[in-house]
Structure formats: structure tokens, C-alpha cells
Amino acid sequence: VPGGARRSGVRAALPVILSRPAARLGVGAMAIGHVVMVGVMTMTPVHIRSAGHDAAHTLRLVGLVLSAHIAGMFAFAPVFGWLTDRLGRRPVVGIGILLLLLACAVAGTARHDPARLAAGLTLVGLGWSATMVAGSTLLSEAVPAELRASAQGLSDLTMGLAGATAGALSGVVVQAWGYATLALLAALATGPLIALLLGGSLRTGKLPPVASP
């Protein structure tokens, strides 16, 4: 029964992901990168609007900032793919974390400066791209071929739920404490990913081998 086989695959994929450090890191990289990206990106248009510009000017600024953000998310994906093959999966996750931290610092201290907000959102997009490319590669290599589709489905579900939670909470944070606090909390959200990355590196003492084609 195809439906039963799919359910069995999902049940089988979860313990495999949890038991393999590379798979955990892959899912963590994608989910936490998505949390930071969604949390910061969602409230940036609201933050721009709070500067008090007229509606037309606000729309232009929002369009420019979000265009820069989307370019960061997708335009350099081939570069991060090349780096993932060239440097390894874990180093590119580390690069993604650094980009996300830098993004939070730039956006969180930008006040209402459009250029700095655009720079911060571009860096958020780049960090998301790095964690997504390296994380998905780690996951696909860490699980058996027959479980890859189920593992990817679980990863997408985790990422979607994490992003939805971040988007919902970001509005509460901005309303209560402001955009700068949101950026700080987004930076702190990378803590578990840093722990996963360093924990795996300390256990292995080296980068995982690249699977031969």
C-alpha cells in the first residue's frame, strides 16, 4: 500500500535523523537559518513604515530592501553550492552562521537607515542560502537512499513550523521591545546551531568525507 509505505518511511526516517550527527546538523542548519530569516524579514517592512515616511516613499523603500533580501537568498546559491563541495559541508554551515550573526548586527543597529537595512537583509538572505545549501547536502548524505524523501519531508515540516513560529512571535517582540531586540533574539537563536556544529566537529576531530559520485 503506497500510503502505508510512506507512513512507514516517515516513521523510519525520524530515528535515523536523530541518531546521526550530520543529519541533525543538516536539519538544524535549515530550520534555524529559516527562523532567523523569517523573524527578521517579516518585521522589516513594519519597521520601515514606523519611520513616518509617506506611503509612496515607504513602498519604494520596502521594495528595494526586500529585493536586496531576495537576491541574497537565491542569487548566490550556486556559489554556496560550489563552496560546499570545495570547503566541505560544515565550514559552509559555519559561514552561514557568521553571515546571519553579521546580518542581525547590521539590521539591529540600522535604526531607520534604508541602506543599512538593505545590507542587513541581504546578509540575512546570504546566511539563509548558505545554511540551506549545506544543510540539505548534509541531510541527503547522512540518510540511506530509501529514506531520503521521507527525511526531506520531515526536514521541510520542521523548517516550516519553525519559520511560522518565528514569524508569529516576531510581531509580538517588535510591538513589546522593538526591532533591535528582535535582531538580538534572532542572533541568539543561532546558539543551538553553533552547539550542533561545534559538537559534531569535536566528536569527529575532522570534516566528514565527501561522498563520491
N, C-alpha and C. Protein backbone atom coordinates (compact mmCIF):
# COMPACT_ATOMS: atom_id res chain seq x y z
N VAL A 1 0.86 -1.19 0.00
CA VAL A 1 0.00 0.00 0.00
C VAL A 1 0.89 1.23 0.00
N PRO A 2 0.83 2.08 -1.04
CA PRO A 2 1.72 3.23 -1.11
C PRO A 2 1.61 4.14 0.09
N GLY A 3 0.37 4.44 0.55
CA GLY A 3 0.21 5.33 1.70
C GLY A 3 0.86 4.77 2.93
N GLY A 4 0.67 3.44 3.16
CA GLY A 4 1.29 2.81 4.31
C GLY A 4 2.80 2.84 4.22
N ALA A 5 3.31 2.66 3.00
CA ALA A 5 4.76 2.70 2.81
C ALA A 5 5.31 4.07 3.14
N ARG A 6 4.56 5.12 2.73
CA ARG A 6 5.02 6.48 3.02
C ARG A 6 5.04 6.74 4.52
N ARG A 7 3.97 6.29 5.22
CA ARG A 7 3.92 6.50 6.66
C ARG A 7 5.06 5.75 7.34
N SER A 8 5.31 4.53 6.88
CA SER A 8 6.41 3.75 7.44
C SER A 8 7.73 4.44 7.20
N GLY A 9 7.90 5.04 6.00
CA GLY A 9 9.14 5.74 5.69
C GLY A 9 9.38 6.92 6.60
N VAL A 10 8.31 7.67 6.88
CA VAL A 10 8.44 8.82 7.78
C VAL A 10 8.82 8.35 9.17
N ARG A 11 8.16 7.30 9.66
CA ARG A 11 8.48 6.79 11.00
C ARG A 11 9.91 6.27 11.05
N ALA A 12 10.37 5.69 9.97
CA ALA A 12 11.74 5.17 9.96
C ALA A 12 12.77 6.28 9.84
N ALA A 13 12.40 7.37 9.16
CA ALA A 13 13.38 8.44 8.93
C ALA A 13 13.70 9.21 10.20
N LEU A 14 12.71 9.42 11.07
CA LEU A 14 12.94 10.25 12.26
C LEU A 14 14.04 9.71 13.16
N PRO A 15 14.00 8.43 13.57
CA PRO A 15 15.10 7.95 14.42
C PRO A 15 16.46 7.97 13.73
N VAL A 16 16.46 7.79 12.42
CA VAL A 16 17.73 7.87 11.69
C VAL A 16 18.30 9.28 11.76
N ILE A 17 17.45 10.28 11.55
CA ILE A 17 17.91 11.67 11.64
C ILE A 17 18.43 11.97 13.04
N LEU A 18 17.68 11.54 14.06
CA LEU A 18 18.06 11.84 15.43
C LEU A 18 19.34 11.14 15.85
N SER A 19 19.63 10.00 15.24
CA SER A 19 20.79 9.21 15.65
C SER A 19 22.07 9.58 14.91
N ARG A 20 21.97 10.42 13.89
CA ARG A 20 23.15 10.74 13.07
C ARG A 20 23.49 12.23 13.19
N PRO A 21 24.67 12.54 13.74
CA PRO A 21 25.04 13.94 13.95
C PRO A 21 24.97 14.79 12.68
N ALA A 22 25.39 14.24 11.55
CA ALA A 22 25.37 15.02 10.32
C ALA A 22 23.94 15.35 9.90
N ALA A 23 23.03 14.39 10.10
CA ALA A 23 21.63 14.64 9.76
C ALA A 23 21.02 15.67 10.69
N ARG A 24 21.33 15.56 11.99
CA ARG A 24 20.83 16.56 12.94
C ARG A 24 21.34 17.95 12.60
N LEU A 25 22.61 18.03 12.25
CA LEU A 25 23.17 19.32 11.88
C LEU A 25 22.50 19.86 10.62
N GLY A 26 22.26 18.99 9.65
CA GLY A 26 21.61 19.43 8.42
C GLY A 26 20.23 20.00 8.67
N VAL A 27 19.42 19.28 9.44
CA VAL A 27 18.07 19.76 9.75
C VAL A 27 18.15 21.03 10.59
N GLY A 28 19.06 21.04 11.57
CA GLY A 28 19.21 22.23 12.41
C GLY A 28 19.63 23.45 11.61
N ALA A 29 20.54 23.26 10.67
CA ALA A 29 21.00 24.39 9.86
C ALA A 29 19.86 24.98 9.04
N MET A 30 19.07 24.11 8.42
CA MET A 30 17.95 24.61 7.61
C MET A 30 16.88 25.26 8.47
N ALA A 31 16.52 24.63 9.59
CA ALA A 31 15.44 25.15 10.43
C ALA A 31 15.84 26.46 11.11
N ILE A 32 17.03 26.51 11.68
CA ILE A 32 17.43 27.71 12.42
C ILE A 32 17.76 28.85 11.46
N GLY A 33 18.37 28.53 10.32
CA GLY A 33 18.57 29.57 9.31
C GLY A 33 17.25 30.17 8.88
N HIS A 34 16.23 29.32 8.78
CA HIS A 34 14.89 29.79 8.38
C HIS A 34 14.26 30.64 9.48
N VAL A 35 14.47 30.25 10.72
CA VAL A 35 13.95 31.03 11.85
C VAL A 35 14.50 32.45 11.83
N VAL A 36 15.81 32.57 11.68
CA VAL A 36 16.44 33.89 11.67
C VAL A 36 15.93 34.70 10.48
N MET A 37 15.90 34.08 9.32
CA MET A 37 15.48 34.80 8.12
C MET A 37 14.04 35.29 8.23
N VAL A 38 13.13 34.40 8.59
CA VAL A 38 11.71 34.78 8.66
C VAL A 38 11.49 35.81 9.76
N GLY A 39 12.10 35.60 10.92
CA GLY A 39 11.89 36.52 12.03
C GLY A 39 12.29 37.94 11.70
N VAL A 40 13.47 38.11 11.10
CA VAL A 40 13.96 39.45 10.79
C VAL A 40 13.23 40.02 9.58
N MET A 41 13.08 39.22 8.54
CA MET A 41 12.48 39.71 7.30
C MET A 41 11.03 40.15 7.49
N THR A 42 10.27 39.38 8.27
CA THR A 42 8.84 39.65 8.41
C THR A 42 8.56 41.04 8.97
N MET A 43 9.36 41.46 9.94
CA MET A 43 9.09 42.73 10.61
C MET A 43 9.84 43.92 10.01
N THR A 44 10.71 43.68 9.04
CA THR A 44 11.44 44.81 8.46
C THR A 44 10.52 45.81 7.75
N PRO A 45 9.55 45.38 6.94
CA PRO A 45 8.64 46.38 6.35
C PRO A 45 7.88 47.18 7.40
N VAL A 46 7.48 46.53 8.49
CA VAL A 46 6.79 47.25 9.57
C VAL A 46 7.73 48.28 10.19
N HIS A 47 8.98 47.89 10.38
CA HIS A 47 9.97 48.81 10.95
C HIS A 47 10.20 50.00 10.02
N ILE A 48 10.28 49.75 8.73
CA ILE A 48 10.46 50.84 7.77
C ILE A 48 9.27 51.79 7.81
N ARG A 49 8.08 51.24 7.88
CA ARG A 49 6.87 52.07 7.91
C ARG A 49 6.82 52.94 9.17
N SER A 50 7.38 52.44 10.27
CA SER A 50 7.33 53.20 11.52
C SER A 50 8.20 54.45 11.49
N ALA A 51 9.03 54.61 10.45
CA ALA A 51 9.87 55.80 10.35
C ALA A 51 9.05 57.04 10.03
N GLY A 52 7.82 56.87 9.57
CA GLY A 52 6.95 58.01 9.32
C GLY A 52 7.02 58.60 7.94
N HIS A 53 7.64 57.89 6.98
CA HIS A 53 7.66 58.37 5.60
C HIS A 53 6.25 58.32 5.01
N ASP A 54 6.05 59.07 3.93
CA ASP A 54 4.76 58.97 3.25
C ASP A 54 4.63 57.60 2.61
N ALA A 55 3.39 57.23 2.28
CA ALA A 55 3.11 55.87 1.82
C ALA A 55 3.89 55.49 0.57
N ALA A 56 4.00 56.40 -0.39
CA ALA A 56 4.71 56.08 -1.63
C ALA A 56 6.18 55.83 -1.37
N HIS A 57 6.80 56.68 -0.55
CA HIS A 57 8.22 56.52 -0.24
C HIS A 57 8.45 55.22 0.54
N THR A 58 7.54 54.92 1.47
CA THR A 58 7.66 53.68 2.24
C THR A 58 7.60 52.47 1.33
N LEU A 59 6.68 52.47 0.37
CA LEU A 59 6.57 51.34 -0.55
C LEU A 59 7.84 51.17 -1.38
N ARG A 60 8.43 52.28 -1.81
CA ARG A 60 9.67 52.19 -2.58
C ARG A 60 10.79 51.59 -1.73
N LEU A 61 10.90 52.05 -0.49
CA LEU A 61 11.95 51.54 0.40
C LEU A 61 11.75 50.05 0.68
N VAL A 62 10.52 49.67 0.98
CA VAL A 62 10.24 48.25 1.25
C VAL A 62 10.58 47.40 0.03
N GLY A 63 10.21 47.87 -1.15
CA GLY A 63 10.52 47.13 -2.37
C GLY A 63 12.01 46.96 -2.58
N LEU A 64 12.78 48.02 -2.36
CA LEU A 64 14.23 47.94 -2.55
C LEU A 64 14.87 47.01 -1.53
N VAL A 65 14.48 47.15 -0.26
CA VAL A 65 15.08 46.33 0.79
C VAL A 65 14.75 44.85 0.58
N LEU A 66 13.50 44.55 0.27
CA LEU A 66 13.13 43.15 0.08
C LEU A 66 13.71 42.57 -1.21
N SER A 67 13.88 43.40 -2.22
CA SER A 67 14.55 42.92 -3.44
C SER A 67 15.99 42.53 -3.15
N ALA A 68 16.68 43.35 -2.35
CA ALA A 68 18.05 43.01 -1.96
C ALA A 68 18.07 41.72 -1.15
N HIS A 69 17.09 41.57 -0.29
CA HIS A 69 16.99 40.36 0.54
C HIS A 69 16.80 39.11 -0.32
N ILE A 70 15.88 39.17 -1.26
CA ILE A 70 15.60 38.01 -2.11
C ILE A 70 16.81 37.69 -2.99
N ALA A 71 17.50 38.72 -3.45
CA ALA A 71 18.73 38.48 -4.23
C ALA A 71 19.75 37.74 -3.38
N GLY A 72 19.88 38.14 -2.12
CA GLY A 72 20.80 37.44 -1.23
C GLY A 72 20.41 35.99 -1.02
N MET A 73 19.11 35.72 -0.96
CA MET A 73 18.64 34.35 -0.73
C MET A 73 18.96 33.41 -1.89
N PHE A 74 18.82 33.91 -3.12
CA PHE A 74 18.86 32.99 -4.26
C PHE A 74 19.99 33.23 -5.26
N ALA A 75 20.44 34.46 -5.40
CA ALA A 75 21.41 34.75 -6.46
C ALA A 75 22.74 34.05 -6.24
N PHE A 76 23.11 33.82 -4.98
CA PHE A 76 24.42 33.24 -4.69
C PHE A 76 24.34 31.77 -4.31
N ALA A 77 23.17 31.15 -4.49
CA ALA A 77 23.06 29.72 -4.18
C ALA A 77 24.07 28.87 -4.94
N PRO A 78 24.33 29.13 -6.24
CA PRO A 78 25.37 28.34 -6.92
C PRO A 78 26.75 28.51 -6.29
N VAL A 79 27.04 29.71 -5.80
CA VAL A 79 28.33 29.95 -5.15
C VAL A 79 28.43 29.12 -3.87
N PHE A 80 27.36 29.10 -3.09
CA PHE A 80 27.39 28.31 -1.86
C PHE A 80 27.43 26.82 -2.17
N GLY A 81 26.81 26.40 -3.28
CA GLY A 81 26.94 25.02 -3.69
C GLY A 81 28.38 24.66 -4.02
N TRP A 82 29.05 25.56 -4.74
CA TRP A 82 30.46 25.34 -5.07
C TRP A 82 31.31 25.31 -3.81
N LEU A 83 31.05 26.23 -2.88
CA LEU A 83 31.81 26.26 -1.63
C LEU A 83 31.56 25.00 -0.80
N THR A 84 30.33 24.50 -0.84
CA THR A 84 30.01 23.29 -0.09
C THR A 84 30.82 22.11 -0.60
N ASP A 85 30.99 22.02 -1.91
CA ASP A 85 31.84 20.97 -2.48
C ASP A 85 33.32 21.23 -2.24
N ARG A 86 33.70 22.49 -2.30
CA ARG A 86 35.12 22.85 -2.22
C ARG A 86 35.64 22.82 -0.79
N LEU A 87 34.90 23.43 0.12
CA LEU A 87 35.36 23.56 1.51
C LEU A 87 34.82 22.48 2.43
N GLY A 88 33.67 21.94 2.10
CA GLY A 88 33.01 20.97 2.97
C GLY A 88 31.69 21.51 3.48
N ARG A 89 30.88 20.60 3.99
CA ARG A 89 29.54 20.98 4.42
C ARG A 89 29.55 21.79 5.71
N ARG A 90 30.31 21.31 6.71
CA ARG A 90 30.34 22.01 8.00
C ARG A 90 30.91 23.42 7.89
N PRO A 91 32.01 23.63 7.17
CA PRO A 91 32.50 25.00 7.04
C PRO A 91 31.48 25.96 6.44
N VAL A 92 30.69 25.50 5.48
CA VAL A 92 29.70 26.39 4.88
C VAL A 92 28.56 26.67 5.85
N VAL A 93 28.20 25.69 6.67
CA VAL A 93 27.24 25.98 7.75
C VAL A 93 27.81 27.06 8.66
N GLY A 94 29.11 26.94 8.99
CA GLY A 94 29.75 27.97 9.80
C GLY A 94 29.74 29.34 9.14
N ILE A 95 29.98 29.38 7.84
CA ILE A 95 29.90 30.64 7.10
C ILE A 95 28.48 31.21 7.18
N GLY A 96 27.50 30.34 7.04
CA GLY A 96 26.11 30.79 7.14
C GLY A 96 25.80 31.39 8.50
N ILE A 97 26.29 30.76 9.55
CA ILE A 97 26.07 31.30 10.90
C ILE A 97 26.69 32.67 11.04
N LEU A 98 27.93 32.82 10.58
CA LEU A 98 28.60 34.12 10.67
C LEU A 98 27.84 35.19 9.89
N LEU A 99 27.35 34.83 8.72
CA LEU A 99 26.57 35.79 7.92
C LEU A 99 25.28 36.19 8.64
N LEU A 100 24.62 35.22 9.26
CA LEU A 100 23.39 35.53 9.98
C LEU A 100 23.66 36.43 11.18
N LEU A 101 24.75 36.16 11.91
CA LEU A 101 25.10 37.00 13.05
C LEU A 101 25.43 38.41 12.60
N LEU A 102 26.20 38.52 11.52
CA LEU A 102 26.53 39.84 11.00
C LEU A 102 25.27 40.56 10.53
N ALA A 103 24.37 39.82 9.90
CA ALA A 103 23.11 40.41 9.44
C ALA A 103 22.31 40.98 10.59
N CYS A 104 22.21 40.23 11.67
CA CYS A 104 21.46 40.71 12.84
C CYS A 104 22.10 41.95 13.44
N ALA A 105 23.44 41.98 13.46
CA ALA A 105 24.13 43.15 13.99
C ALA A 105 23.88 44.38 13.12
N VAL A 106 23.96 44.21 11.80
CA VAL A 106 23.77 45.34 10.89
C VAL A 106 22.32 45.82 10.92
N ALA A 107 21.38 44.89 10.78
CA ALA A 107 19.96 45.29 10.77
C ALA A 107 19.52 45.84 12.12
N GLY A 108 20.01 45.23 13.19
CA GLY A 108 19.58 45.64 14.51
C GLY A 108 20.07 47.00 14.93
N THR A 109 21.15 47.47 14.32
CA THR A 109 21.70 48.79 14.65
C THR A 109 21.44 49.81 13.55
N ALA A 110 20.63 49.44 12.56
CA ALA A 110 20.40 50.32 11.41
C ALA A 110 19.44 51.46 11.72
N ARG A 111 18.69 51.34 12.80
CA ARG A 111 17.60 52.29 13.08
C ARG A 111 16.68 52.34 11.85
N HIS A 112 16.59 53.48 11.19
CA HIS A 112 15.74 53.57 10.00
C HIS A 112 16.56 53.90 8.75
N ASP A 113 17.84 53.59 8.77
CA ASP A 113 18.71 53.85 7.63
C ASP A 113 18.42 52.82 6.53
N PRO A 114 17.85 53.21 5.40
CA PRO A 114 17.48 52.24 4.37
C PRO A 114 18.67 51.45 3.83
N ALA A 115 19.81 52.11 3.66
CA ALA A 115 20.98 51.42 3.11
C ALA A 115 21.45 50.32 4.06
N ARG A 116 21.48 50.61 5.35
CA ARG A 116 21.92 49.61 6.32
C ARG A 116 20.89 48.49 6.47
N LEU A 117 19.62 48.85 6.40
CA LEU A 117 18.60 47.80 6.44
C LEU A 117 18.71 46.88 5.23
N ALA A 118 18.95 47.48 4.06
CA ALA A 118 19.13 46.67 2.85
C ALA A 118 20.35 45.77 2.97
N ALA A 119 21.44 46.31 3.52
CA ALA A 119 22.64 45.50 3.72
C ALA A 119 22.37 44.36 4.70
N GLY A 120 21.68 44.67 5.80
CA GLY A 120 21.37 43.64 6.77
C GLY A 120 20.49 42.55 6.20
N LEU A 121 19.48 42.93 5.44
CA LEU A 121 18.58 41.94 4.85
C LEU A 121 19.26 41.13 3.75
N THR A 122 20.20 41.75 3.03
CA THR A 122 20.98 40.99 2.05
C THR A 122 21.82 39.93 2.75
N LEU A 123 22.44 40.31 3.86
CA LEU A 123 23.24 39.36 4.63
C LEU A 123 22.38 38.24 5.21
N VAL A 124 21.18 38.58 5.65
CA VAL A 124 20.25 37.54 6.11
C VAL A 124 19.98 36.54 4.99
N GLY A 125 19.73 37.05 3.79
CA GLY A 125 19.49 36.17 2.66
C GLY A 125 20.68 35.29 2.34
N LEU A 126 21.87 35.86 2.41
CA LEU A 126 23.08 35.07 2.15
C LEU A 126 23.27 33.99 3.20
N GLY A 127 23.07 34.35 4.47
CA GLY A 127 23.21 33.36 5.54
C GLY A 127 22.20 32.24 5.40
N TRP A 128 20.97 32.60 5.05
CA TRP A 128 19.93 31.58 4.82
C TRP A 128 20.35 30.66 3.69
N SER A 129 20.85 31.22 2.61
CA SER A 129 21.25 30.41 1.45
C SER A 129 22.36 29.43 1.83
N ALA A 130 23.35 29.91 2.58
CA ALA A 130 24.46 29.04 2.97
C ALA A 130 23.98 27.90 3.85
N THR A 131 23.15 28.20 4.85
CA THR A 131 22.68 27.13 5.73
C THR A 131 21.75 26.17 5.00
N MET A 132 20.99 26.69 4.05
CA MET A 132 20.06 25.83 3.31
C MET A 132 20.82 24.87 2.39
N VAL A 133 21.79 25.38 1.64
CA VAL A 133 22.52 24.54 0.70
C VAL A 133 23.36 23.49 1.44
N ALA A 134 24.13 23.94 2.42
CA ALA A 134 24.98 23.00 3.15
C ALA A 134 24.15 22.04 4.00
N GLY A 135 23.08 22.56 4.61
CA GLY A 135 22.25 21.71 5.46
C GLY A 135 21.54 20.63 4.68
N SER A 136 20.98 20.97 3.52
CA SER A 136 20.29 19.96 2.72
C SER A 136 21.26 18.91 2.19
N THR A 137 22.49 19.33 1.90
CA THR A 137 23.50 18.37 1.45
C THR A 137 23.87 17.41 2.58
N LEU A 138 24.08 17.95 3.77
CA LEU A 138 24.38 17.10 4.93
C LEU A 138 23.29 16.07 5.15
N LEU A 139 22.05 16.51 5.11
CA LEU A 139 20.94 15.59 5.38
C LEU A 139 20.86 14.50 4.32
N SER A 140 20.95 14.87 3.06
CA SER A 140 20.80 13.88 1.99
C SER A 140 21.92 12.85 2.02
N GLU A 141 23.11 13.26 2.44
CA GLU A 141 24.23 12.32 2.50
C GLU A 141 24.21 11.46 3.76
N ALA A 142 23.50 11.91 4.80
CA ALA A 142 23.57 11.21 6.08
C ALA A 142 22.55 10.09 6.21
N VAL A 143 21.53 10.09 5.36
CA VAL A 143 20.48 9.07 5.49
C VAL A 143 20.55 8.11 4.30
N PRO A 144 20.08 6.88 4.48
CA PRO A 144 20.07 5.93 3.36
C PRO A 144 19.19 6.44 2.22
N ALA A 145 19.52 6.00 1.02
CA ALA A 145 18.82 6.49 -0.16
C ALA A 145 17.31 6.26 -0.08
N GLU A 146 16.91 5.12 0.49
CA GLU A 146 15.47 4.81 0.52
C GLU A 146 14.70 5.68 1.51
N LEU A 147 15.41 6.40 2.38
CA LEU A 147 14.75 7.27 3.36
C LEU A 147 14.92 8.75 3.05
N ARG A 148 15.60 9.08 1.97
CA ARG A 148 15.89 10.49 1.70
C ARG A 148 14.64 11.32 1.49
N ALA A 149 13.69 10.81 0.75
CA ALA A 149 12.47 11.58 0.50
C ALA A 149 11.71 11.83 1.80
N SER A 150 11.60 10.80 2.64
CA SER A 150 10.91 10.96 3.92
C SER A 150 11.67 11.90 4.83
N ALA A 151 12.99 11.78 4.85
CA ALA A 151 13.80 12.66 5.68
C ALA A 151 13.68 14.11 5.23
N GLN A 152 13.65 14.32 3.92
CA GLN A 152 13.49 15.68 3.41
C GLN A 152 12.12 16.23 3.75
N GLY A 153 11.10 15.38 3.70
CA GLY A 153 9.77 15.82 4.09
C GLY A 153 9.71 16.25 5.54
N LEU A 154 10.33 15.47 6.42
CA LEU A 154 10.37 15.84 7.84
C LEU A 154 11.15 17.13 8.04
N SER A 155 12.23 17.27 7.29
CA SER A 155 13.02 18.50 7.39
C SER A 155 12.22 19.71 6.94
N ASP A 156 11.49 19.57 5.84
CA ASP A 156 10.67 20.69 5.36
C ASP A 156 9.58 21.04 6.36
N LEU A 157 8.98 20.02 6.99
CA LEU A 157 7.96 20.27 8.01
C LEU A 157 8.56 21.02 9.19
N THR A 158 9.72 20.57 9.65
CA THR A 158 10.39 21.23 10.77
C THR A 158 10.71 22.67 10.43
N MET A 159 11.25 22.88 9.25
CA MET A 159 11.61 24.23 8.81
C MET A 159 10.37 25.12 8.71
N GLY A 160 9.30 24.59 8.16
CA GLY A 160 8.08 25.38 8.02
C GLY A 160 7.48 25.76 9.36
N LEU A 161 7.42 24.80 10.29
CA LEU A 161 6.87 25.10 11.62
C LEU A 161 7.75 26.10 12.36
N ALA A 162 9.06 25.94 12.23
CA ALA A 162 9.97 26.87 12.90
C ALA A 162 9.81 28.28 12.33
N GLY A 163 9.71 28.37 11.01
CA GLY A 163 9.54 29.68 10.38
C GLY A 163 8.21 30.32 10.74
N ALA A 164 7.14 29.52 10.78
CA ALA A 164 5.83 30.06 11.15
C ALA A 164 5.83 30.58 12.58
N THR A 165 6.48 29.85 13.47
CA THR A 165 6.58 30.29 14.86
C THR A 165 7.37 31.59 14.96
N ALA A 166 8.48 31.65 14.24
CA ALA A 166 9.30 32.87 14.26
C ALA A 166 8.52 34.06 13.72
N GLY A 167 7.78 33.84 12.64
CA GLY A 167 7.00 34.94 12.07
C GLY A 167 5.93 35.44 13.02
N ALA A 168 5.27 34.50 13.72
CA ALA A 168 4.23 34.90 14.66
C ALA A 168 4.80 35.65 15.86
N LEU A 169 5.91 35.14 16.40
CA LEU A 169 6.49 35.76 17.59
C LEU A 169 7.19 37.08 17.29
N SER A 170 7.66 37.24 16.06
CA SER A 170 8.40 38.46 15.74
C SER A 170 7.55 39.71 15.91
N GLY A 171 6.27 39.61 15.57
CA GLY A 171 5.39 40.76 15.75
C GLY A 171 5.22 41.12 17.21
N VAL A 172 5.09 40.11 18.06
CA VAL A 172 4.96 40.34 19.50
C VAL A 172 6.21 41.01 20.04
N VAL A 173 7.37 40.52 19.61
CA VAL A 173 8.64 41.08 20.09
C VAL A 173 8.79 42.54 19.67
N VAL A 174 8.51 42.83 18.41
CA VAL A 174 8.67 44.20 17.93
C VAL A 174 7.69 45.15 18.63
N GLN A 175 6.48 44.69 18.82
CA GLN A 175 5.50 45.54 19.50
C GLN A 175 5.91 45.83 20.94
N ALA A 176 6.47 44.83 21.62
CA ALA A 176 6.80 44.99 23.03
C ALA A 176 8.16 45.65 23.25
N TRP A 177 9.15 45.28 22.45
CA TRP A 177 10.52 45.71 22.74
C TRP A 177 11.25 46.37 21.58
N GLY A 178 10.73 46.27 20.37
CA GLY A 178 11.34 46.95 19.26
C GLY A 178 12.12 46.04 18.32
N TYR A 179 12.46 46.62 17.18
CA TYR A 179 13.13 45.87 16.11
C TYR A 179 14.54 45.45 16.50
N ALA A 180 15.25 46.30 17.24
CA ALA A 180 16.62 45.96 17.65
C ALA A 180 16.63 44.72 18.54
N THR A 181 15.65 44.62 19.43
CA THR A 181 15.56 43.43 20.29
C THR A 181 15.26 42.19 19.47
N LEU A 182 14.41 42.34 18.46
CA LEU A 182 14.14 41.21 17.56
C LEU A 182 15.42 40.72 16.91
N ALA A 183 16.24 41.64 16.42
CA ALA A 183 17.50 41.24 15.78
C ALA A 183 18.42 40.54 16.78
N LEU A 184 18.44 41.03 18.02
CA LEU A 184 19.26 40.38 19.05
C LEU A 184 18.78 38.96 19.33
N LEU A 185 17.48 38.79 19.47
CA LEU A 185 16.94 37.45 19.72
C LEU A 185 17.17 36.53 18.53
N ALA A 186 17.10 37.07 17.33
CA ALA A 186 17.39 36.25 16.14
C ALA A 186 18.84 35.78 16.16
N ALA A 187 19.74 36.66 16.58
CA ALA A 187 21.15 36.26 16.69
C ALA A 187 21.32 35.16 17.74
N LEU A 188 20.63 35.31 18.87
CA LEU A 188 20.73 34.29 19.93
C LEU A 188 20.15 32.96 19.48
N ALA A 189 19.21 32.99 18.54
CA ALA A 189 18.60 31.75 18.05
C ALA A 189 19.60 30.86 17.33
N THR A 190 20.73 31.42 16.91
CA THR A 190 21.75 30.59 16.26
C THR A 190 22.53 29.75 17.27
N GLY A 191 22.34 29.99 18.57
CA GLY A 191 23.09 29.27 19.59
C GLY A 191 23.00 27.75 19.47
N PRO A 192 21.80 27.17 19.36
CA PRO A 192 21.72 25.72 19.22
C PRO A 192 22.43 25.20 17.97
N LEU A 193 22.40 25.97 16.90
CA LEU A 193 23.09 25.54 15.68
C LEU A 193 24.60 25.58 15.87
N ILE A 194 25.09 26.60 16.55
CA ILE A 194 26.52 26.66 16.86
C ILE A 194 26.92 25.45 17.70
N ALA A 195 26.08 25.08 18.68
CA ALA A 195 26.37 23.91 19.52
C ALA A 195 26.41 22.63 18.69
N LEU A 196 25.46 22.47 17.77
CA LEU A 196 25.46 21.29 16.91
C LEU A 196 26.72 21.24 16.05
N LEU A 197 27.10 22.39 15.50
CA LEU A 197 28.27 22.43 14.63
C LEU A 197 29.54 22.11 15.39
N LEU A 198 29.73 22.76 16.53
CA LEU A 198 30.95 22.53 17.31
C LEU A 198 30.96 21.14 17.93
N GLY A 199 29.79 20.66 18.36
CA GLY A 199 29.73 19.33 18.94
C GLY A 199 30.12 18.26 17.95
N GLY A 200 29.63 18.36 16.73
CA GLY A 200 29.99 17.39 15.71
C GLY A 200 31.46 17.45 15.34
N SER A 201 32.01 18.67 15.28
CA SER A 201 33.42 18.83 14.93
C SER A 201 34.31 18.26 16.02
N LEU A 202 33.94 18.48 17.29
CA LEU A 202 34.75 17.98 18.39
C LEU A 202 34.72 16.46 18.46
N ARG A 203 33.56 15.86 18.15
CA ARG A 203 33.46 14.40 18.20
C ARG A 203 34.28 13.75 17.11
N THR A 204 34.21 14.31 15.92
CA THR A 204 34.91 13.67 14.80
C THR A 204 36.37 14.09 14.72
N GLY A 205 36.64 15.31 15.13
CA GLY A 205 38.00 15.83 15.03
C GLY A 205 38.41 16.18 13.63
N LYS A 206 37.49 16.02 12.66
CA LYS A 206 37.79 16.35 11.27
C LYS A 206 36.49 16.52 10.52
N LEU A 207 36.59 17.06 9.33
CA LEU A 207 35.40 17.23 8.49
C LEU A 207 34.98 15.88 7.94
N PRO A 208 33.67 15.67 7.77
CA PRO A 208 33.22 14.40 7.19
C PRO A 208 33.68 14.26 5.76
N PRO A 209 33.98 13.02 5.33
CA PRO A 209 34.42 12.84 3.94
C PRO A 209 33.31 13.17 2.98
N VAL A 210 33.70 13.63 1.80
CA VAL A 210 32.74 13.93 0.74
C VAL A 210 32.40 12.63 0.03
N ALA A 211 31.11 12.38 -0.09
CA ALA A 211 30.68 11.15 -0.76
C ALA A 211 31.08 11.20 -2.23
N SER A 212 31.59 10.10 -2.72
CA SER A 212 31.95 10.04 -4.14
C SER A 212 30.70 9.93 -4.98
N PRO A 213 30.72 10.55 -6.17
CA PRO A 213 29.52 10.49 -7.02
C PRO A 213 29.21 9.07 -7.48
